[in-house]
N, C-alpha and C. Protein backbone atom coordinates (compact mmCIF):
# COMPACT_ATOMS: atom_id res chain seq x y z
N ARG A 1 -12.75 16.80 -16.79
CA ARG A 1 -11.86 17.17 -15.81
C ARG A 1 -12.14 15.63 -15.03
N LEU A 2 -12.93 15.12 -15.32
CA LEU A 2 -12.63 13.90 -13.99
C LEU A 2 -11.47 12.92 -14.73
N TRP A 3 -11.38 12.67 -15.81
CA TRP A 3 -10.28 12.24 -16.46
C TRP A 3 -9.26 12.96 -16.17
N LEU A 4 -9.11 13.95 -16.55
CA LEU A 4 -7.44 14.91 -15.51
C LEU A 4 -7.47 14.33 -14.35
N ALA A 5 -8.64 14.66 -13.36
CA ALA A 5 -8.00 14.22 -12.04
C ALA A 5 -7.66 12.84 -12.01
N GLY A 6 -8.14 11.78 -13.16
CA GLY A 6 -7.70 10.09 -12.25
C GLY A 6 -5.85 10.32 -12.85
N VAL A 7 -5.85 11.23 -13.67
CA VAL A 7 -4.14 11.22 -14.01
C VAL A 7 -3.71 11.80 -13.79
N LEU A 8 -4.07 12.70 -12.72
CA LEU A 8 -3.48 13.59 -11.92
C LEU A 8 -3.01 12.43 -10.91
N ARG A 9 -4.22 11.58 -9.78
CA ARG A 9 -3.67 10.79 -9.43
C ARG A 9 -2.73 9.78 -9.07
N ARG A 10 -3.28 9.15 -10.84
CA ARG A 10 -2.13 7.87 -11.15
C ARG A 10 -0.73 8.26 -11.19
N THR A 11 -0.88 9.47 -11.36
CA THR A 11 0.59 10.28 -11.58
C THR A 11 1.22 10.60 -10.29
N GLY A 12 0.76 10.56 -8.98
CA GLY A 12 1.03 10.95 -7.86
C GLY A 12 0.95 12.53 -7.53
N ARG A 13 0.06 13.23 -8.57
CA ARG A 13 -0.30 14.47 -8.53
C ARG A 13 -1.63 14.98 -7.26
N LEU A 14 -1.28 14.46 -6.02
CA LEU A 14 -2.65 13.76 -5.42
C LEU A 14 -3.39 15.13 -5.06
N ASN A 15 -2.40 16.09 -4.45
CA ASN A 15 -3.44 17.52 -4.05
C ASN A 15 -3.91 18.18 -5.19
N GLU A 16 -3.49 17.97 -6.36
CA GLU A 16 -4.25 18.91 -7.82
C GLU A 16 -5.60 17.46 -8.12
N ALA A 17 -5.38 16.42 -7.78
CA ALA A 17 -5.95 15.47 -8.54
C ALA A 17 -7.19 15.96 -6.99
N LEU A 18 -7.71 15.65 -6.07
CA LEU A 18 -8.33 16.14 -5.24
C LEU A 18 -8.94 17.33 -5.22
N SER A 19 -8.73 18.48 -5.58
CA SER A 19 -9.37 19.76 -6.28
C SER A 19 -9.93 19.23 -7.35
N HIS A 20 -9.77 18.62 -8.39
CA HIS A 20 -10.43 17.89 -9.76
C HIS A 20 -11.65 17.27 -9.55
N TYR A 21 -11.68 16.01 -8.48
CA TYR A 21 -12.46 15.27 -7.86
C TYR A 21 -13.54 16.06 -7.30
N ALA A 22 -12.93 17.16 -6.63
CA ALA A 22 -14.28 17.71 -5.67
C ALA A 22 -14.98 19.18 -6.61
N GLN A 23 -14.41 19.50 -7.74
CA GLN A 23 -14.83 20.29 -8.44
C GLN A 23 -16.37 19.29 -8.97
N VAL A 24 -15.76 17.97 -9.72
CA VAL A 24 -16.91 17.12 -10.55
C VAL A 24 -17.91 16.72 -9.18
N ILE A 25 -17.56 16.73 -8.10
CA ILE A 25 -18.54 16.38 -7.03
C ILE A 25 -19.44 17.73 -7.08
N THR A 26 -19.13 18.75 -6.98
CA THR A 26 -20.01 19.91 -6.77
C THR A 26 -20.81 19.99 -7.80
N ILE A 27 -20.07 19.95 -9.36
CA ILE A 27 -20.93 20.07 -10.39
C ILE A 27 -22.21 19.07 -10.37
N ASP A 28 -21.53 18.00 -10.07
CA ASP A 28 -22.87 16.39 -10.29
C ASP A 28 -22.27 15.51 -9.30
N PRO A 29 -23.14 15.58 -8.08
CA PRO A 29 -22.48 14.64 -7.29
C PRO A 29 -22.66 12.84 -7.04
N ARG A 30 -23.54 12.77 -8.07
CA ARG A 30 -24.42 11.90 -8.41
C ARG A 30 -23.02 11.03 -9.67
N VAL A 31 -21.67 11.67 -9.91
CA VAL A 31 -21.27 11.06 -11.09
C VAL A 31 -20.24 10.02 -9.89
N GLY A 32 -20.48 8.67 -9.79
CA GLY A 32 -19.74 7.88 -8.70
C GLY A 32 -18.44 7.90 -9.19
N GLY A 33 -17.90 7.72 -10.54
CA GLY A 33 -16.31 7.82 -10.25
C GLY A 33 -15.76 8.79 -9.91
N ALA A 34 -16.28 9.86 -9.71
CA ALA A 34 -15.73 11.33 -9.03
C ALA A 34 -15.18 11.28 -7.41
N THR A 35 -16.80 10.26 -6.64
CA THR A 35 -16.58 10.13 -5.81
C THR A 35 -15.47 8.91 -5.48
N PHE A 36 -15.47 7.95 -5.93
CA PHE A 36 -14.37 6.92 -5.77
C PHE A 36 -13.11 7.57 -5.98
N GLY A 37 -12.82 8.29 -7.10
CA GLY A 37 -11.29 8.65 -7.61
C GLY A 37 -11.20 9.65 -6.39
N TYR A 38 -12.02 10.17 -5.51
CA TYR A 38 -11.72 11.16 -4.22
C TYR A 38 -10.97 10.28 -3.28
N ALA A 39 -11.98 9.42 -2.72
CA ALA A 39 -11.91 8.43 -2.01
C ALA A 39 -10.33 7.70 -2.24
N ALA A 40 -10.16 7.42 -3.41
CA ALA A 40 -8.91 6.74 -3.52
C ALA A 40 -7.86 7.58 -3.17
N THR A 41 -7.91 9.05 -3.60
CA THR A 41 -6.99 10.01 -3.39
C THR A 41 -6.83 10.52 -1.81
N LEU A 42 -7.94 10.21 -1.35
CA LEU A 42 -7.60 10.51 0.11
C LEU A 42 -6.60 9.40 0.79
N VAL A 43 -6.94 8.06 0.27
CA VAL A 43 -6.13 7.29 0.57
C VAL A 43 -4.57 7.35 0.19
N GLY A 44 -4.43 7.84 -1.09
CA GLY A 44 -2.96 8.33 -1.37
C GLY A 44 -2.49 9.17 -0.65
N LEU A 45 -2.70 9.93 0.11
CA LEU A 45 -2.62 11.18 1.13
C LEU A 45 -2.47 10.79 2.09
N ARG A 46 -2.93 9.17 2.51
CA ARG A 46 -3.11 8.59 3.95
C ARG A 46 -3.88 9.22 4.95
N ARG A 47 -4.71 9.86 4.21
CA ARG A 47 -5.66 10.20 4.98
C ARG A 47 -7.00 9.38 5.22
N TYR A 48 -6.60 7.88 5.92
CA TYR A 48 -7.62 7.15 6.09
C TYR A 48 -9.17 7.09 6.69
N GLN A 49 -8.62 7.98 7.39
CA GLN A 49 -10.38 8.07 8.61
C GLN A 49 -11.03 9.15 7.67
N GLU A 50 -10.72 9.69 6.92
CA GLU A 50 -11.55 10.58 5.81
C GLU A 50 -12.14 9.57 4.85
N ALA A 51 -10.86 8.76 4.24
CA ALA A 51 -11.60 8.00 3.19
C ALA A 51 -12.51 7.04 3.60
N ARG A 52 -12.44 6.32 4.95
CA ARG A 52 -13.41 5.12 5.60
C ARG A 52 -14.49 5.77 5.42
N ASP A 53 -14.80 6.90 5.65
CA ASP A 53 -16.13 7.83 6.37
C ASP A 53 -16.55 8.06 4.95
N LEU A 54 -15.97 8.66 3.79
CA LEU A 54 -16.50 8.72 2.63
C LEU A 54 -17.28 7.53 2.15
N LEU A 55 -16.57 6.13 1.89
CA LEU A 55 -16.39 4.83 1.39
C LEU A 55 -17.78 4.55 1.94
N ALA A 56 -18.18 4.63 3.48
CA ALA A 56 -19.29 4.36 3.76
C ALA A 56 -20.18 4.51 3.55
N GLU A 57 -20.26 6.02 3.19
CA GLU A 57 -21.31 7.01 3.22
C GLU A 57 -21.68 6.10 1.12
N LEU A 58 -20.93 6.21 0.62
CA LEU A 58 -20.71 5.83 -0.80
C LEU A 58 -21.44 4.01 -0.61
N VAL A 59 -20.87 3.38 0.08
CA VAL A 59 -21.87 2.12 -0.15
C VAL A 59 -23.15 2.11 0.11
N LYS A 60 -23.74 3.40 0.81
CA LYS A 60 -25.22 3.38 1.52
C LYS A 60 -25.73 4.08 0.19
N VAL A 61 -25.14 5.14 -0.55
CA VAL A 61 -25.61 5.77 -1.68
C VAL A 61 -25.71 5.12 -3.08
N TYR A 62 -24.34 3.97 -3.31
CA TYR A 62 -24.28 3.27 -4.05
C TYR A 62 -24.63 1.97 -3.93
N PRO A 63 -26.05 1.00 -3.11
CA PRO A 63 -25.65 0.02 -2.61
C PRO A 63 -25.55 -0.93 -4.24
N ASP A 64 -25.69 -0.84 -5.20
CA ASP A 64 -25.47 -1.28 -6.09
C ASP A 64 -24.27 -1.20 -7.06
N GLN A 65 -23.01 -0.68 -6.58
CA GLN A 65 -22.11 -0.88 -7.33
C GLN A 65 -21.15 -1.51 -6.08
N SER A 66 -20.74 -2.17 -6.25
CA SER A 66 -19.73 -3.29 -5.75
C SER A 66 -18.49 -2.84 -4.81
N MET A 67 -18.11 -1.71 -6.16
CA MET A 67 -16.27 -1.42 -5.93
C MET A 67 -16.39 -0.53 -4.93
N PHE A 68 -17.54 0.01 -4.43
CA PHE A 68 -17.81 0.59 -3.19
C PHE A 68 -17.35 -0.29 -1.86
N ALA A 69 -18.19 -1.12 -1.60
CA ALA A 69 -18.49 -2.10 -0.54
C ALA A 69 -16.82 -2.63 -0.62
N HIS A 70 -16.36 -2.88 -1.68
CA HIS A 70 -14.86 -3.99 -1.76
C HIS A 70 -13.82 -2.92 -1.12
N ALA A 71 -14.06 -1.69 -1.64
CA ALA A 71 -12.55 -1.02 -1.66
C ALA A 71 -13.09 -0.77 0.31
N LEU A 72 -14.17 -0.65 0.70
CA LEU A 72 -13.62 -0.37 1.98
C LEU A 72 -13.55 -1.51 2.98
N ALA A 73 -13.87 -2.26 2.67
CA ALA A 73 -13.61 -4.18 3.32
C ALA A 73 -11.86 -3.27 3.43
N ARG A 74 -11.37 -3.40 2.22
CA ARG A 74 -10.45 -3.62 1.55
C ARG A 74 -9.00 -2.76 3.27
N LEU A 75 -9.70 -1.30 3.05
CA LEU A 75 -9.25 -0.07 3.76
C LEU A 75 -9.74 -0.67 5.40
N LEU A 76 -10.84 -1.90 5.69
CA LEU A 76 -11.04 -1.50 7.04
C LEU A 76 -9.82 -2.57 7.01
N VAL A 77 -9.45 -3.54 7.07
CA VAL A 77 -8.43 -4.56 7.28
C VAL A 77 -6.68 -3.83 6.96
N ALA A 78 -6.63 -2.97 5.99
CA ALA A 78 -5.16 -3.62 5.57
C ALA A 78 -4.69 -1.67 5.70
N ALA A 79 -5.03 -1.11 6.19
CA ALA A 79 -4.99 0.25 6.30
C ALA A 79 -4.06 0.63 7.45
N PRO A 80 -2.88 0.80 7.50
CA PRO A 80 -1.99 0.95 8.30
C PRO A 80 -2.11 1.71 9.76
N ASP A 81 -3.48 2.35 9.81
CA ASP A 81 -3.72 3.37 10.63
C ASP A 81 -4.57 2.29 11.85
N ASP A 82 -4.26 2.04 12.63
CA ASP A 82 -5.01 1.56 13.97
C ASP A 82 -6.78 1.79 14.18
N ARG A 83 -6.93 3.24 14.03
CA ARG A 83 -7.99 3.69 14.25
C ARG A 83 -8.65 3.23 12.97
N VAL A 84 -8.42 2.92 12.06
CA VAL A 84 -9.44 2.84 10.67
C VAL A 84 -9.82 1.29 10.50
N ARG A 85 -8.92 0.64 11.01
CA ARG A 85 -8.99 -0.97 10.98
C ARG A 85 -9.86 -1.39 11.93
N ASP A 86 -10.77 -2.32 11.27
CA ASP A 86 -11.96 -2.94 11.86
C ASP A 86 -12.51 -4.17 10.73
N GLY A 87 -11.90 -5.33 11.48
CA GLY A 87 -12.53 -6.94 10.50
C GLY A 87 -13.58 -7.15 10.54
N GLN A 88 -14.14 -6.94 11.93
CA GLN A 88 -15.77 -7.39 12.32
C GLN A 88 -16.59 -6.41 11.27
N GLU A 89 -16.22 -5.10 11.02
CA GLU A 89 -16.94 -4.21 9.96
C GLU A 89 -16.47 -4.34 8.75
N ALA A 90 -15.74 -4.89 8.56
CA ALA A 90 -15.11 -5.25 6.98
C ALA A 90 -15.99 -6.62 6.61
N MET A 91 -15.90 -7.69 7.28
CA MET A 91 -16.65 -8.67 7.41
C MET A 91 -18.30 -8.66 7.17
N ALA A 92 -18.86 -7.64 7.82
CA ALA A 92 -20.23 -7.15 7.65
C ALA A 92 -20.52 -6.61 6.41
N VAL A 93 -19.92 -5.39 6.21
CA VAL A 93 -19.66 -5.22 4.52
C VAL A 93 -19.75 -6.11 3.70
N LEU A 94 -19.38 -7.41 3.35
CA LEU A 94 -18.85 -8.38 2.51
C LEU A 94 -20.18 -9.13 2.69
N ASP A 95 -20.39 -9.20 4.12
CA ASP A 95 -21.96 -9.86 3.95
C ASP A 95 -22.80 -9.69 3.57
N ALA A 96 -23.40 -8.39 3.58
CA ALA A 96 -24.04 -7.59 2.79
C ALA A 96 -23.90 -7.72 1.23
N LEU A 97 -22.94 -7.71 1.03
CA LEU A 97 -22.93 -7.92 -0.61
C LEU A 97 -23.89 -9.00 -0.86
N PRO A 98 -24.95 -8.49 -1.85
CA PRO A 98 -25.81 -9.66 -2.69
C PRO A 98 -25.12 -10.58 -3.97
N GLU A 99 -25.24 -12.10 -3.69
CA GLU A 99 -24.22 -12.76 -4.81
C GLU A 99 -23.83 -12.35 -5.65
N LYS A 100 -24.97 -11.95 -6.31
CA LYS A 100 -24.43 -11.11 -7.51
C LYS A 100 -23.31 -9.85 -8.29
N GLN A 101 -23.06 -9.27 -6.48
CA GLN A 101 -22.36 -8.19 -6.40
C GLN A 101 -20.98 -8.63 -6.22
N ARG A 102 -20.70 -10.14 -5.84
CA ARG A 102 -19.41 -10.78 -5.61
C ARG A 102 -18.43 -10.69 -6.55
N ILE A 103 -17.92 -9.84 -7.10
CA ILE A 103 -17.27 -9.76 -8.06
C ILE A 103 -15.32 -10.61 -8.03
N THR A 104 -14.61 -10.67 -8.63
CA THR A 104 -13.83 -11.60 -9.42
C THR A 104 -12.94 -10.95 -7.69
N ASP A 105 -12.56 -9.52 -7.07
CA ASP A 105 -12.26 -9.67 -6.70
C ASP A 105 -12.88 -10.03 -4.78
N PHE A 106 -13.69 -10.56 -4.65
CA PHE A 106 -14.12 -10.81 -3.28
C PHE A 106 -13.50 -12.03 -2.47
N GLY A 107 -13.26 -12.78 -3.37
CA GLY A 107 -12.27 -13.65 -2.66
C GLY A 107 -10.92 -13.36 -1.96
N GLU A 108 -10.27 -12.09 -3.01
CA GLU A 108 -9.06 -11.90 -1.79
C GLU A 108 -9.34 -10.85 -0.88
N THR A 109 -10.43 -10.26 -1.00
CA THR A 109 -10.92 -9.16 -0.04
C THR A 109 -11.48 -10.16 0.96
N LEU A 110 -11.89 -11.10 0.61
CA LEU A 110 -12.46 -11.97 1.80
C LEU A 110 -11.41 -12.78 2.93
N ALA A 111 -10.49 -12.59 2.07
CA ALA A 111 -8.98 -13.64 2.56
C ALA A 111 -8.31 -12.35 3.24
N MET A 112 -8.13 -10.81 2.75
CA MET A 112 -7.45 -10.19 3.53
C MET A 112 -8.45 -9.64 4.93
N THR A 113 -9.99 -9.98 4.89
CA THR A 113 -11.03 -9.75 5.81
C THR A 113 -10.54 -10.45 7.09
N LEU A 114 -10.95 -12.18 6.53
CA LEU A 114 -10.24 -13.48 7.59
C LEU A 114 -8.78 -13.21 7.80
N ALA A 115 -7.94 -13.13 7.31
CA ALA A 115 -6.62 -12.50 8.06
C ALA A 115 -6.24 -11.59 8.91
N GLU A 116 -7.18 -10.63 8.91
CA GLU A 116 -7.89 -9.21 9.70
C GLU A 116 -8.14 -10.10 10.82
N LEU A 117 -8.59 -11.08 10.91
CA LEU A 117 -9.73 -11.54 12.20
C LEU A 117 -8.62 -12.75 12.39
N GLU A 118 -7.65 -12.85 11.87
CA GLU A 118 -6.89 -14.21 12.58
C GLU A 118 -7.03 -15.39 12.18
N TYR A 119 -7.96 -15.62 11.21
CA TYR A 119 -8.10 -16.93 10.32
C TYR A 119 -7.04 -16.98 9.26
N TYR A 120 -6.03 -17.36 9.58
CA TYR A 120 -4.97 -17.27 8.69
C TYR A 120 -5.41 -18.48 7.94
N GLU A 121 -5.01 -19.66 8.04
CA GLU A 121 -5.68 -20.80 7.41
C GLU A 121 -6.43 -20.74 6.31
N ASP A 122 -7.89 -20.33 6.61
CA ASP A 122 -8.67 -19.76 5.67
C ASP A 122 -8.45 -18.87 4.51
N ALA A 123 -7.65 -17.68 5.58
CA ALA A 123 -7.20 -16.46 4.57
C ALA A 123 -6.34 -16.77 3.52
N ALA A 124 -5.43 -17.99 3.77
CA ALA A 124 -4.41 -18.50 2.95
C ALA A 124 -5.48 -19.51 1.57
N ARG A 125 -6.67 -20.17 2.36
CA ARG A 125 -7.34 -20.99 1.06
C ARG A 125 -8.04 -20.09 0.45
N TRP A 126 -8.75 -19.24 0.69
CA TRP A 126 -9.18 -18.24 -0.20
C TRP A 126 -8.38 -17.85 -1.07
N GLN A 127 -6.95 -17.46 -0.17
CA GLN A 127 -5.81 -16.40 -1.38
C GLN A 127 -5.78 -17.41 -2.29
N ARG A 128 -5.30 -18.94 -2.29
CA ARG A 128 -4.77 -19.51 -2.96
C ARG A 128 -5.81 -20.15 -4.57
N GLU A 129 -6.94 -19.93 -3.80
CA GLU A 129 -8.13 -20.17 -4.81
C GLU A 129 -8.26 -18.61 -5.65
N GLY A 130 -7.93 -17.68 -5.05
CA GLY A 130 -7.92 -16.57 -6.03
C GLY A 130 -6.62 -16.81 -6.71
N ILE A 131 -5.43 -17.13 -6.50
CA ILE A 131 -4.51 -16.84 -7.18
C ILE A 131 -4.95 -18.37 -8.37
N THR A 132 -5.26 -19.30 -8.22
CA THR A 132 -5.87 -20.11 -9.01
C THR A 132 -6.83 -19.24 -10.36
N ALA A 133 -7.52 -18.50 -10.09
CA ALA A 133 -8.73 -17.54 -10.63
C ALA A 133 -8.06 -17.09 -11.61
N ALA A 134 -7.14 -16.39 -11.02
CA ALA A 134 -6.31 -15.27 -12.01
C ALA A 134 -5.78 -15.57 -12.44
N ARG A 135 -4.94 -16.75 -12.72
CA ARG A 135 -4.58 -17.54 -13.68
C ARG A 135 -5.30 -18.23 -14.82
N ARG A 136 -6.01 -18.87 -14.62
CA ARG A 136 -7.19 -19.10 -15.51
C ARG A 136 -7.40 -18.36 -15.92
N ALA A 137 -7.69 -17.05 -15.58
CA ALA A 137 -8.61 -15.55 -16.33
C ALA A 137 -7.44 -14.96 -17.32
N GLY A 138 -5.66 -15.57 -17.41
CA GLY A 138 -5.10 -15.18 -17.65
C GLY A 138 -4.35 -13.76 -17.40
N ARG A 139 -4.51 -13.51 -15.88
CA ARG A 139 -3.92 -12.39 -14.78
C ARG A 139 -3.21 -12.88 -14.55
N GLU A 140 -1.97 -13.35 -14.78
CA GLU A 140 -0.78 -13.56 -14.55
C GLU A 140 -0.08 -12.42 -14.05
N ASP A 141 -0.43 -11.47 -14.32
CA ASP A 141 0.12 -10.34 -13.70
C ASP A 141 -0.34 -9.86 -12.68
N LEU A 142 -1.51 -10.46 -12.16
CA LEU A 142 -1.79 -10.38 -10.34
C LEU A 142 -1.52 -11.28 -9.77
N VAL A 143 -0.55 -12.27 -9.67
CA VAL A 143 -0.51 -13.60 -9.23
C VAL A 143 0.72 -13.06 -8.33
N PRO A 144 1.93 -12.48 -8.70
CA PRO A 144 3.05 -12.12 -7.34
C PRO A 144 2.14 -11.15 -6.62
N ARG A 145 1.45 -10.39 -6.67
CA ARG A 145 1.08 -9.12 -5.32
C ARG A 145 -0.07 -10.27 -4.40
N MET A 146 -0.40 -11.41 -5.45
CA MET A 146 -1.48 -12.07 -4.53
C MET A 146 -0.65 -12.98 -3.55
N ALA A 147 0.39 -13.33 -4.37
CA ALA A 147 1.19 -14.81 -3.45
C ALA A 147 1.84 -13.79 -2.20
N ASN A 148 2.25 -12.62 -2.76
CA ASN A 148 2.58 -11.73 -0.84
C ASN A 148 1.60 -11.96 -0.22
N LYS A 149 0.67 -11.49 -0.59
CA LYS A 149 -0.30 -11.78 0.36
C LYS A 149 -0.52 -13.19 1.17
N LEU A 150 -0.55 -13.82 0.25
CA LEU A 150 -0.53 -15.56 0.36
C LEU A 150 0.64 -15.95 1.19
N GLY A 151 1.59 -15.49 1.23
CA GLY A 151 3.06 -15.40 2.06
C GLY A 151 2.88 -15.42 3.41
N GLN A 152 2.21 -14.05 3.50
CA GLN A 152 2.06 -13.14 4.96
C GLN A 152 0.44 -14.30 5.65
N TYR A 153 -0.62 -14.51 5.18
CA TYR A 153 -1.26 -15.22 5.42
C TYR A 153 -0.51 -16.86 6.22
N GLU A 154 0.52 -17.41 5.72
CA GLU A 154 0.67 -18.52 5.59
C GLU A 154 1.84 -18.15 6.91
N ARG A 155 2.55 -17.06 7.21
CA ARG A 155 3.08 -16.79 8.50
C ARG A 155 2.31 -16.51 9.11
N GLY A 156 0.77 -16.35 9.32
CA GLY A 156 0.11 -15.72 10.47
C GLY A 156 0.28 -14.13 10.67
N ARG A 157 0.29 -13.99 9.35
CA ARG A 157 0.28 -12.14 9.49
C ARG A 157 -1.31 -11.70 8.27
N PRO A 158 -1.93 -10.44 8.93
CA PRO A 158 -2.27 -9.71 7.82
C PRO A 158 -1.63 -8.98 7.26
N TRP A 159 -2.57 -8.59 6.07
CA TRP A 159 -1.92 -7.61 5.15
C TRP A 159 -2.26 -6.01 5.87
N ARG A 160 -1.12 -5.76 5.38
CA ARG A 160 -1.08 -4.17 6.01
C ARG A 160 -0.54 -3.66 3.92
N HIS A 161 -0.73 -2.19 4.29
CA HIS A 161 -0.45 -1.51 2.87
C HIS A 161 -0.65 -0.32 2.69
N ASP A 162 0.53 0.35 2.75
CA ASP A 162 -0.02 2.35 3.00
C ASP A 162 -1.30 2.38 1.67
N ALA A 163 -1.36 1.90 0.63
CA ALA A 163 -2.48 1.86 -0.24
C ALA A 163 -3.31 0.47 -0.36
N PRO A 164 -4.30 0.37 0.96
CA PRO A 164 -4.82 -0.44 1.09
C PRO A 164 -5.98 -1.24 -0.05
N LEU A 165 -6.25 0.10 -1.14
CA LEU A 165 -7.29 -0.11 -1.82
C LEU A 165 -6.60 -1.42 -3.17
N GLU A 166 -5.55 -1.27 -3.70
CA GLU A 166 -4.69 -2.04 -4.36
C GLU A 166 -5.68 -1.36 -5.94
N LEU A 167 -5.57 -0.33 -6.15
CA LEU A 167 -6.65 -0.30 -7.33
C LEU A 167 -6.38 -0.72 -8.51
N ASP A 168 -5.52 -1.37 -8.79
CA ASP A 168 -4.77 -2.06 -9.54
C ASP A 168 -6.03 -3.42 -10.43
N PRO A 169 -6.22 -4.09 -9.66
CA PRO A 169 -7.36 -4.83 -9.77
C PRO A 169 -8.91 -3.68 -10.40
N LEU A 170 -8.88 -3.01 -9.28
CA LEU A 170 -10.39 -2.01 -9.35
C LEU A 170 -10.48 -1.09 -10.44
N VAL A 171 -9.01 -0.78 -10.84
CA VAL A 171 -9.55 -0.14 -12.37
C VAL A 171 -10.29 -0.61 -13.09
N ALA A 172 -10.03 -2.00 -13.08
CA ALA A 172 -10.75 -2.52 -14.52
C ALA A 172 -12.53 -1.99 -14.04
N LEU A 173 -12.80 -1.94 -13.11
CA LEU A 173 -14.21 -1.46 -12.80
C LEU A 173 -14.41 0.33 -13.00
N SER A 174 -13.46 0.73 -12.75
CA SER A 174 -13.44 2.32 -13.10
C SER A 174 -12.75 2.79 -13.58
N PRO A 175 -12.74 3.30 -14.45
CA PRO A 175 -11.15 4.27 -14.82
C PRO A 175 -10.89 5.19 -14.44
N PHE A 176 -11.35 5.55 -13.36
CA PHE A 176 -11.71 7.08 -12.63
C PHE A 176 -10.79 7.13 -10.74
């Protein structure tokens, strides 16, 4: 059911996916992939406030799973809903991550947060470093998306996106 929910989400059948994730959570609420998928599906449905609240809870319940913190921070800085965005809260979420949990996407998430807080030069520097790291890791596929963000920061603008979690880089962390 969990894999089916993931396939449904990735193919745009979001309401069906949400139902399957909810069933998995009912069976076993400890399945982190189901709750992450549920939150990602809420974002896909543009239910940003619900997604924020769920991700904030997941950060508390799963403090050793940095993907929840990264997803929450990204939502807090890039959601198109003004009621959800909170750059200071995103920075607090990132600051609370232990060094060992600052995964590959940390620099990009930090750049997004710095741009939301109007530290565009710092955001651009972190984004450039992220692009360099992606290239070194052979992830040329990530560079165009990252370069789009860099352009925004260089023009003195924060990043906004209907799908602020940008699941492509996070999919490597969770297949759900």
